[in-house]
Amino acid sequence: MKSTNDHSAEPTLLFIPDISGFTKFVHETEISHSEHIIKELLETLIDANEMNLEISEIEGDAILFYRKGKKPTAAETLAQVQRMYIKFHTCLRKYESQRICQCGACANCDGLRLKFIIHYGDISINQVKSRSKLFGSDLIVAHRLMKNDVPLKEYVLITDQLINACSSWVEIDQVAWATPNHGEGHYDFGEVKYCYLPLAPLESHIPPPTIEDYATTLNMSKVLSVESVITAPIELVFDVVSDVNAKHLWVLNVKGSDKTNGEITRNGSTHRCIMNEDENDPFFTSHSFKITKDLITWIDTNHTHDANMVVTLRRIGKGLTRTNLTVLKKINPLKKILFNLFMKKGFVQFYDASLKKLDTYCQGLQQKGKNHTTSILLEPVSYPVA
């Protein structure tokens, strides 16, 4: 492999947030969802970067950030840690309050923890084709420190090498949220001394999740209702119909869907049905899920809050699901008469054709022995997600 190497090492800050806490997954659903959750959390950490840190690599559940040039101060480094910690746990709390799926990954994501390894040393950059790779013994030090004897689930570990290199670090006792503890690690390359701070005192800064009411308060009347029996179990039909990123697979004339807030459907998930590929393509929010073993309902509200679609799935036998789409709209009596005379028939045909497309898609999956990709795992008991 052709590569060009710049061996002129420079003093470099290494900043590694590491996510931990996932246990083994038994079901394929959980593996898929754990990947989605980790991806969302890593993106949250990246978006919280305010120190102009650059990304060298994303390594599983960790991000290798680095910064050359200006030495970091204790204040800015700890502020960055605090920001990432709060954003990380805010995301988890929001996810927990909005989740629908009951798989192990989704149900236990609140057990995820965050730790930081921060080191400073001489690092060079190897250019391998279009990718920049960090290189140096201090990089090895940072990676080895991810396995340490710190007796905390969440912490920030800062090596003495960073503290001694930056005169501003004398102020760490004044800017830290807790008194630093001291430790050392013994590795094959020698001893590494460090201090560490618990992140638990920052928990009080995490805002509580906002319980949003997505339902419109407008008085609406029913303008149409379409129903069909889908030859598939209610769990599969729910997977497909509730997937805000898969409307194009069964809704007529939809070319695609914008993935506006994650891969896993949650209460409050929004999507845009791409039909004409312009600003007039409709946005919807899915909310008010009510789920029992044999009956599932929820509402899709459009972004102008003047129309609701109530989706009802009812198990009526082995491998059979009665699916009802009822449209409610804010409409005056005259417009409703005109709608019934000139437009209703076309909309009914549209939804009828969409449900036939849904039936074909679900049967195709079953014939191939496949599930829909989202695979929302449901418990066989009633639980509302408001």
Protein backbone atom coordinates (compact mmCIF):
# COMPACT_ATOMS: atom_id res chain seq x y z
CA MET A 1 0.00 0.00 0.00
CA LYS A 2 1.42 3.32 -1.01
CA SER A 3 1.90 5.74 1.86
CA THR A 4 3.75 8.91 2.70
CA ASN A 5 4.80 9.50 6.29
CA ASP A 6 5.48 12.71 8.16
CA HIS A 7 7.73 11.61 11.03
CA SER A 8 8.15 15.08 12.52
CA ALA A 9 6.34 14.54 15.81
CA GLU A 10 4.56 17.48 17.42
CA PRO A 11 3.12 17.99 20.91
CA THR A 12 -0.49 16.88 20.58
CA LEU A 13 -3.54 16.67 22.81
CA LEU A 14 -5.21 13.25 22.69
CA PHE A 15 -8.84 13.35 23.84
CA ILE A 16 -10.77 10.06 23.88
CA PRO A 17 -14.41 9.76 24.99
CA ASP A 18 -15.28 6.08 25.38
CA ILE A 19 -18.79 4.59 25.71
CA SER A 20 -19.13 1.48 27.85
CA GLY A 21 -21.92 -0.58 29.36
CA PHE A 22 -23.40 -2.69 26.57
CA THR A 23 -23.67 -6.36 27.47
CA LYS A 24 -23.88 -9.19 24.98
CA PHE A 25 -26.89 -9.30 22.68
CA VAL A 26 -28.85 -12.44 22.00
CA HIS A 27 -31.20 -11.34 19.26
CA GLU A 28 -30.36 -9.90 15.89
CA THR A 29 -32.75 -7.04 16.64
CA GLU A 30 -30.69 -6.03 19.66
CA ILE A 31 -27.43 -6.11 17.71
CA SER A 32 -28.92 -3.86 15.03
CA HIS A 33 -30.45 -1.45 17.54
CA SER A 34 -27.32 -1.29 19.67
CA GLU A 35 -25.40 -0.21 16.58
CA HIS A 36 -27.98 2.53 15.89
CA ILE A 37 -27.88 3.74 19.49
CA ILE A 38 -24.08 3.84 19.62
CA LYS A 39 -23.99 5.66 16.27
CA GLU A 40 -26.40 8.31 17.55
CA LEU A 41 -24.43 8.78 20.77
CA LEU A 42 -21.11 9.06 18.91
CA GLU A 43 -22.64 11.69 16.63
CA THR A 44 -23.86 13.55 19.74
CA LEU A 45 -20.31 13.60 21.12
CA ILE A 46 -18.94 14.83 17.79
CA ASP A 47 -21.54 17.61 17.63
CA ALA A 48 -20.57 18.69 21.16
CA ASN A 49 -16.96 19.35 20.13
CA GLU A 50 -16.14 23.00 20.93
CA MET A 51 -12.35 22.74 21.26
CA ASN A 52 -11.68 22.46 17.52
CA LEU A 53 -10.65 18.87 18.07
CA GLU A 54 -10.02 16.81 14.96
CA ILE A 55 -11.13 13.22 14.54
CA SER A 56 -8.46 10.66 13.79
CA GLU A 57 -10.61 7.54 14.11
CA ILE A 58 -13.88 6.22 15.42
CA GLU A 59 -12.98 2.96 17.10
CA GLY A 60 -16.07 0.97 17.96
CA ASP A 61 -17.53 2.77 20.97
CA ALA A 62 -14.80 5.44 21.22
CA ILE A 63 -13.65 8.50 19.29
CA LEU A 64 -9.98 9.41 18.99
CA PHE A 65 -9.90 13.22 18.97
CA TYR A 66 -6.67 15.16 18.76
CA ARG A 67 -5.45 18.75 18.57
CA LYS A 68 -2.03 20.03 17.61
CA GLY A 69 -0.70 23.50 18.28
CA LYS A 70 -2.11 25.53 21.14
CA LYS A 71 -1.78 23.84 24.53
CA PRO A 72 -5.11 23.26 26.25
CA THR A 73 -6.01 24.91 29.54
CA ALA A 74 -7.58 23.01 32.39
CA ALA A 75 -10.68 25.19 32.14
CA GLU A 76 -11.36 24.58 28.44
CA THR A 77 -10.58 20.86 28.66
CA LEU A 78 -12.89 20.25 31.61
CA ALA A 79 -15.56 22.43 30.00
CA GLN A 80 -15.36 20.20 26.93
CA VAL A 81 -15.70 17.10 29.08
CA GLN A 82 -18.70 18.60 30.85
CA ARG A 83 -20.41 19.55 27.59
CA MET A 84 -19.97 16.10 26.07
CA TYR A 85 -21.10 14.37 29.26
CA ILE A 86 -24.29 16.45 29.51
CA LYS A 87 -25.14 16.09 25.80
CA PHE A 88 -24.51 12.34 25.98
CA HIS A 89 -26.83 11.78 28.93
CA THR A 90 -29.44 14.23 27.64
CA CYS A 91 -29.62 12.11 24.50
CA LEU A 92 -30.00 8.94 26.57
CA ARG A 93 -32.73 10.43 28.75
CA LYS A 94 -34.66 11.67 25.75
CA TYR A 95 -34.27 8.30 24.09
CA GLU A 96 -35.52 6.50 27.19
CA SER A 97 -38.57 8.76 27.52
CA GLN A 98 -39.54 8.31 23.86
CA ARG A 99 -38.70 4.68 23.17
CA ILE A 100 -41.21 2.18 21.86
CA CYS A 101 -39.01 -0.86 21.24
CA GLN A 102 -38.59 -3.26 24.17
CA CYS A 103 -35.50 -5.09 22.93
CA GLY A 104 -32.54 -5.45 25.31
CA ALA A 105 -30.51 -2.70 23.64
CA CYS A 106 -33.32 -0.14 23.69
CA ALA A 107 -34.58 -1.08 27.17
CA ASN A 108 -31.12 -1.00 28.74
CA CYS A 109 -29.46 1.88 26.94
CA ASP A 110 -29.76 3.96 30.11
CA GLY A 111 -27.03 1.72 31.51
CA LEU A 112 -24.46 3.14 29.10
CA ARG A 113 -21.61 5.05 30.69
CA LEU A 114 -19.04 7.55 29.46
CA LYS A 115 -15.39 7.94 30.38
CA PHE A 116 -12.62 10.17 29.05
CA ILE A 117 -8.91 9.51 28.59
CA ILE A 118 -6.90 12.73 28.06
CA HIS A 119 -3.18 12.64 27.31
CA TYR A 120 -0.52 14.91 25.82
CA GLY A 121 2.60 13.88 23.96
CA ASP A 122 4.58 13.80 20.75
CA ILE A 123 2.51 12.49 17.86
CA SER A 124 3.29 12.26 14.15
CA ILE A 125 0.83 11.82 11.30
CA ASN A 126 1.10 9.09 8.67
CA GLN A 127 -0.76 9.76 5.44
CA VAL A 128 -2.11 6.52 3.97
CA LYS A 129 -3.74 7.40 0.64
CA SER A 130 -6.51 9.82 1.63
CA ARG A 131 -6.51 8.96 5.34
CA SER A 132 -4.44 10.53 8.11
CA LYS A 133 -3.29 8.14 10.83
CA LEU A 134 -1.77 9.17 14.15
CA PHE A 135 1.47 7.46 15.13
CA GLY A 136 3.70 7.47 18.19
CA SER A 137 4.41 5.91 21.55
CA ASP A 138 2.13 8.43 23.30
CA LEU A 139 -0.78 7.16 21.23
CA ILE A 140 -0.09 3.70 22.64
CA VAL A 141 -0.06 5.19 26.14
CA ALA A 142 -3.51 6.74 25.61
CA HIS A 143 -4.97 3.49 24.31
CA ARG A 144 -3.50 1.40 27.14
CA LEU A 145 -4.95 3.81 29.69
CA MET A 146 -8.45 2.87 28.55
CA LYS A 147 -7.84 -0.22 30.71
CA ASN A 148 -7.01 1.11 34.17
CA ASP A 149 -7.73 0.73 37.87
CA VAL A 150 -9.99 3.76 38.33
CA PRO A 151 -12.78 2.53 40.66
CA LEU A 152 -15.53 4.56 38.97
CA LYS A 153 -18.02 3.84 36.19
CA GLU A 154 -17.81 7.36 34.76
CA TYR A 155 -14.74 9.53 35.04
CA VAL A 156 -12.20 11.70 33.25
CA LEU A 157 -8.59 10.55 33.48
CA ILE A 158 -5.85 13.11 32.78
CA THR A 159 -2.20 12.10 32.64
CA ASP A 160 0.49 13.93 34.53
CA GLN A 161 2.24 14.33 31.21
CA LEU A 162 -0.48 16.78 30.15
CA ILE A 163 -0.59 18.53 33.53
CA ASN A 164 3.19 19.01 33.60
CA ALA A 165 3.36 20.20 29.99
CA CYS A 166 0.83 23.03 30.42
CA SER A 167 1.45 25.66 33.06
CA SER A 168 -2.23 26.54 33.12
CA TRP A 169 -3.00 23.17 34.68
CA VAL A 170 -2.01 24.51 38.09
CA GLU A 171 -5.58 25.80 38.24
CA ILE A 172 -7.25 22.39 37.94
CA ASP A 173 -8.23 22.35 41.62
CA GLN A 174 -10.02 25.66 41.14
CA VAL A 175 -11.88 24.82 37.91
CA ALA A 176 -12.73 21.15 38.56
CA TRP A 177 -16.16 20.14 39.90
CA ALA A 178 -14.55 17.71 42.36
CA THR A 179 -11.22 17.18 44.11
CA PRO A 180 -8.89 15.26 41.78
CA ASN A 181 -7.80 11.78 42.84
CA HIS A 182 -4.41 10.39 41.86
CA GLY A 183 -3.39 7.02 40.48
CA GLU A 184 -0.84 5.26 38.38
CA GLY A 185 -0.77 2.47 35.87
CA HIS A 186 1.99 -0.04 35.29
CA TYR A 187 2.41 -1.20 31.72
CA ASP A 188 5.05 -3.01 29.69
CA PHE A 189 6.47 0.34 28.60
CA GLY A 190 6.66 1.74 32.12
CA GLU A 191 4.67 3.66 34.70
CA VAL A 192 2.03 6.30 33.88
CA LYS A 193 0.79 8.69 36.56
CA TYR A 194 -2.53 10.44 36.29
CA CYS A 195 -5.31 12.18 38.13
CA TYR A 196 -8.99 11.43 37.70
CA LEU A 197 -12.29 13.11 38.46
CA PRO A 198 -15.71 11.51 38.93
CA LEU A 199 -18.36 12.62 36.44
CA ALA A 200 -21.23 11.88 38.84
CA PRO A 201 -21.29 15.47 40.24
CA LEU A 202 -22.23 16.67 36.73
CA GLU A 203 -25.44 14.65 36.77
CA SER A 204 -27.35 17.54 38.32
CA HIS A 205 -26.65 19.58 35.18
CA ILE A 206 -28.45 17.11 32.90
CA PRO A 207 -31.84 18.61 32.01
CA PRO A 208 -34.87 16.38 32.62
CA PRO A 209 -36.50 15.02 29.46
CA THR A 210 -39.25 17.18 28.05
CA ILE A 211 -42.51 15.28 27.72
CA GLU A 212 -43.93 16.76 24.56
CA ASP A 213 -47.57 16.64 23.52
CA TYR A 214 -47.49 16.20 19.77
CA ALA A 215 -51.24 15.98 19.35
CA THR A 216 -53.08 18.89 17.83
CA THR A 217 -55.75 20.64 19.86
CA LEU A 218 -57.80 21.54 16.82
CA ASN A 219 -61.30 20.13 16.49
CA MET A 220 -61.18 17.68 13.60
CA SER A 221 -63.70 15.59 11.77
CA LYS A 222 -63.26 12.28 9.99
CA VAL A 223 -62.94 12.74 6.25
CA LEU A 224 -62.19 9.14 5.23
CA SER A 225 -61.36 5.69 6.54
CA VAL A 226 -59.76 2.82 4.62
CA GLU A 227 -59.32 -0.72 5.88
CA SER A 228 -57.68 -3.89 4.62
CA VAL A 229 -56.53 -7.25 5.94
CA ILE A 230 -52.78 -7.71 5.64
CA THR A 231 -51.55 -11.30 5.39
CA ALA A 232 -48.83 -10.92 7.99
CA PRO A 233 -48.47 -10.96 11.81
CA ILE A 234 -49.23 -7.70 13.59
CA GLU A 235 -45.58 -7.42 14.73
CA LEU A 236 -44.31 -7.37 11.13
CA VAL A 237 -47.01 -4.96 9.95
CA PHE A 238 -46.17 -2.63 12.83
CA ASP A 239 -42.46 -2.78 11.98
CA VAL A 240 -43.17 -1.67 8.42
CA VAL A 241 -45.91 0.90 8.92
CA SER A 242 -44.31 2.59 11.95
CA ASP A 243 -40.89 2.87 10.29
CA VAL A 244 -40.70 6.57 9.41
CA ASN A 245 -37.78 5.89 7.10
CA ALA A 246 -39.59 3.26 5.03
CA LYS A 247 -42.77 4.95 3.81
CA HIS A 248 -41.55 4.56 0.22
CA LEU A 249 -41.79 0.78 0.59
CA TRP A 250 -45.55 0.81 0.82
CA VAL A 251 -47.08 4.30 0.46
CA LEU A 252 -48.02 4.97 -3.16
CA ASN A 253 -45.98 7.62 -5.02
CA VAL A 254 -43.52 8.14 -2.15
CA LYS A 255 -39.95 8.01 -3.50
CA GLY A 256 -38.14 8.08 -0.18
CA SER A 257 -38.16 9.39 3.37
CA ASP A 258 -35.86 11.80 5.16
CA LYS A 259 -34.14 10.24 8.15
CA THR A 260 -34.66 13.19 10.42
CA ASN A 261 -34.05 11.72 13.87
CA GLY A 262 -32.44 8.32 14.04
CA GLU A 263 -32.98 4.86 12.63
CA ILE A 264 -35.21 3.50 15.40
CA THR A 265 -38.82 4.68 15.54
CA ARG A 266 -39.66 6.52 18.76
CA ASN A 267 -42.54 8.54 20.09
CA GLY A 268 -42.15 11.90 18.35
CA SER A 269 -40.15 10.60 15.36
CA THR A 270 -40.57 12.88 12.37
CA HIS A 271 -40.24 12.17 8.69
CA ARG A 272 -40.73 13.82 5.32
CA CYS A 273 -42.38 11.79 2.58
CA ILE A 274 -40.42 12.61 -0.57
CA MET A 275 -42.93 12.76 -3.42
CA ASN A 276 -42.15 15.81 -5.57
CA GLU A 277 -38.70 16.47 -4.06
CA ASP A 278 -39.55 20.05 -3.13
CA GLU A 279 -40.53 22.09 -0.09
CA ASN A 280 -44.16 21.02 -0.46
CA ASP A 281 -43.41 17.41 0.40
CA PRO A 282 -45.29 16.72 3.66
CA PHE A 283 -43.70 16.32 7.10
CA PHE A 284 -45.31 14.11 9.77
CA THR A 285 -44.74 13.36 13.46
CA SER A 286 -45.63 9.91 14.83
CA HIS A 287 -46.91 9.96 18.41
CA SER A 288 -49.43 8.73 21.00
CA PHE A 289 -48.53 5.04 20.62
CA LYS A 290 -50.76 2.58 22.50
CA ILE A 291 -49.70 -1.02 22.30
CA THR A 292 -51.25 -4.27 23.50
CA LYS A 293 -50.73 -7.82 22.36
CA ASP A 294 -53.52 -7.72 19.78
CA LEU A 295 -54.16 -4.00 19.18
CA ILE A 296 -51.77 -1.18 18.27
CA THR A 297 -52.73 2.42 17.53
CA TRP A 298 -50.86 5.66 16.97
CA ILE A 299 -51.25 9.01 15.21
CA ASP A 300 -49.33 10.70 12.43
CA THR A 301 -49.80 14.49 12.58
CA ASN A 302 -48.75 16.73 9.69
CA HIS A 303 -46.45 19.68 10.28
CA THR A 304 -49.24 22.23 9.85
CA HIS A 305 -51.22 20.49 12.63
CA ASP A 306 -54.43 20.51 10.64
CA ALA A 307 -54.60 16.79 9.80
CA ASN A 308 -54.17 13.52 11.69
CA MET A 309 -53.96 9.97 10.43
CA VAL A 310 -54.95 7.42 13.03
CA VAL A 311 -53.34 4.05 12.33
CA THR A 312 -54.98 0.99 13.87
CA LEU A 313 -53.58 -2.53 13.65
CA ARG A 314 -55.65 -5.41 15.03
CA ARG A 315 -54.62 -9.07 15.20
CA ILE A 316 -57.53 -11.10 13.80
CA GLY A 317 -55.91 -14.50 13.42
CA LYS A 318 -52.66 -16.29 12.90
CA GLY A 319 -50.67 -14.22 10.44
CA LEU A 320 -53.55 -11.80 9.74
CA THR A 321 -53.74 -8.11 10.67
CA ARG A 322 -56.67 -5.79 10.03
CA THR A 323 -55.15 -2.41 9.18
CA ASN A 324 -57.20 0.77 9.31
CA LEU A 325 -56.13 4.25 8.22
CA THR A 326 -58.50 7.00 9.35
CA VAL A 327 -57.87 10.60 8.29
CA LEU A 328 -59.08 13.45 10.52
CA LYS A 329 -58.90 17.00 9.27
CA LYS A 330 -59.73 20.54 10.34
CA ILE A 331 -62.21 21.44 7.64
CA ASN A 332 -65.31 23.61 7.46
CA PRO A 333 -68.67 22.10 6.39
CA LEU A 334 -68.59 23.58 2.86
CA LYS A 335 -65.07 22.35 2.12
CA LYS A 336 -66.00 18.95 3.50
CA ILE A 337 -68.92 18.73 1.06
CA LEU A 338 -66.62 19.70 -1.83
CA PHE A 339 -64.03 17.19 -0.63
CA ASN A 340 -66.62 14.41 -0.56
CA LEU A 341 -67.85 15.31 -4.06
CA PHE A 342 -64.56 15.79 -5.90
CA MET A 343 -61.59 14.50 -3.91
CA LYS A 344 -62.54 11.74 -1.50
CA LYS A 345 -62.72 8.99 -4.12
CA GLY A 346 -59.17 9.69 -5.29
CA PHE A 347 -57.78 9.64 -1.74
CA VAL A 348 -59.59 6.39 -0.94
CA GLN A 349 -58.09 4.81 -4.07
CA PHE A 350 -54.67 6.11 -3.03
CA TYR A 351 -54.83 4.54 0.43
CA ASP A 352 -56.39 1.32 -0.90
CA ALA A 353 -53.50 0.95 -3.35
CA SER A 354 -51.00 1.69 -0.58
CA LEU A 355 -52.45 -1.04 1.66
CA LYS A 356 -52.29 -3.52 -1.24
CA LYS A 357 -48.64 -2.54 -1.72
CA LEU A 358 -48.11 -3.06 2.02
CA ASP A 359 -49.64 -6.54 1.82
CA THR A 360 -47.40 -7.46 -1.11
CA TYR A 361 -44.29 -6.19 0.68
CA CYS A 362 -45.07 -8.07 3.90
CA GLN A 363 -45.84 -11.31 2.06
CA GLY A 364 -42.60 -10.95 0.11
CA LEU A 365 -40.61 -10.66 3.33
CA GLN A 366 -42.26 -13.76 4.77
CA GLN A 367 -41.64 -15.79 1.63
CA LYS A 368 -37.95 -14.92 1.88
CA GLY A 369 -37.86 -15.66 5.59
CA LYS A 370 -36.88 -12.08 6.39
CA ASN A 371 -37.96 -9.40 8.85
CA HIS A 372 -38.25 -5.69 8.21
CA THR A 373 -35.02 -3.93 9.12
CA THR A 374 -36.28 -1.91 12.12
CA SER A 375 -37.67 -4.97 13.95
CA ILE A 376 -39.37 -3.18 16.84
CA LEU A 377 -39.67 -5.72 19.64
CA LEU A 378 -43.01 -5.53 21.46
CA GLU A 379 -43.96 -6.90 24.83
CA PRO A 380 -47.21 -8.93 24.97
CA VAL A 381 -48.68 -6.55 27.54
CA SER A 382 -50.26 -3.13 27.41
CA TYR A 383 -48.01 -0.15 27.85
CA PRO A 384 -48.80 3.39 26.69
CA VAL A 385 -46.14 5.65 25.20
CA ALA A 386 -47.60 9.12 25.43
